[in-house]
Amino acid sequence: MRPLHIALAVLVAALWGVNFVVIELGLDHFPPLLFSALRFLVAALPAVFFVGRPKVAWKWIVGVGLALGVAKFGLLFIGMDRGMGAGLSSLVLQVQAVFTALFAALVLGERPRKVKLLGMAVALSGIGVAAVDEGASGPVLAFVLVIAAAACWGVSNVLTRRAAPPDSLNFMVWVSTVPVLPLLGLSLLFEGWDRDREALAALDLSGAAIIVYVAWVVTIFGFGAWGFLLSRYQASSVAPFTLLVPVFGMSSAALLLSESVSPLRWCAAALLVGGVALTSLAGARRARVAAPETPGPAPVGGQPEYVGNVP
């Protein structure tokens, strides 16, 4: 990859990692389900009027919108609202690579190789260590909600592979239109009209800036840049940069939110990131062996979960 494009990939990973800190700050302004709905509303509008018509069947847009937008982000925001730290959330969510491999094996018939199975085992051991650490110092329910969010992320990744969108930015913008109404409905049902109205009435510059960051910077710019990189390089070259997301997430949470990182959590991070690396890159390596790397779109069968990389 060209140095400028390497810098762009690192920048995107940094923006996505810091986003977990921004989400935690946003939860001080909005109830979690309302916050998630506003994120997708602002991401979809006005971008949906400029990206053209959908380029895949609506069933895939709706399916990914529900799995990724409603289930994954709804559970993530609720988990963080209930006490799951930004840094640990950025780390634990990476277990989505394990769920994606499991679901792909069940639904798509993708038989995992021994290296991928080893990576899954290592990543799961990292989750076990993180669970022990969280059980001793934090809310277990919040931890379980974020694990469930990672599982829903895996479902959306498999649906995205089946959809095989030719234009990733177009796909993400249209996917963003789906969760808005379901999330607003769930917010009214579980968080209440009064709480939502108070949050919107109290909207200030910092709250608006948080919404703009998670919607436009993270989703529109981040996803557009990621799609640009995937259009020029094989996924096997781009995918490793996603492993920087929890590094930036944990570091920014420690610096900006003063979140402590115990030795046990560092051990969990090493196991999880190492396991995810083996799990995610085993398929990419196989694709690279089958087709030498040249500029151009990566084949769908060898792509990592590029939609789900948006936190």
Foldseek 3Di string as FASTA:
>chain_A
DDPVLVVLLLVLLLLQLCLLVLLLVLVVQAPQLLLLLLLLVVLQPPVLVPLDDFPFDVVLLQLLLCLQRVQLSSLLSVLVNQPDFQLVLLQLLLLLLLLLVVVCCVPVVDDDDPLLVVLNVLQVVLLVLVLVVCVVPHDNVSSVSSNSSSNSLSVSLNSCLVRVGPQQLNSLSSSSVNCNVVSVVVCCVPVNPVRRVVSVVPDDPSSVVSSCSLNCVQRNVSLNSLSVVLFFKAQLVSVLSLLCSSVSNNVCCCVPVVDDQDPSNVVSSVSNSSSSCSNLNVLLVVQCVVPPMGTGHYDSSSHGSSVSSRD
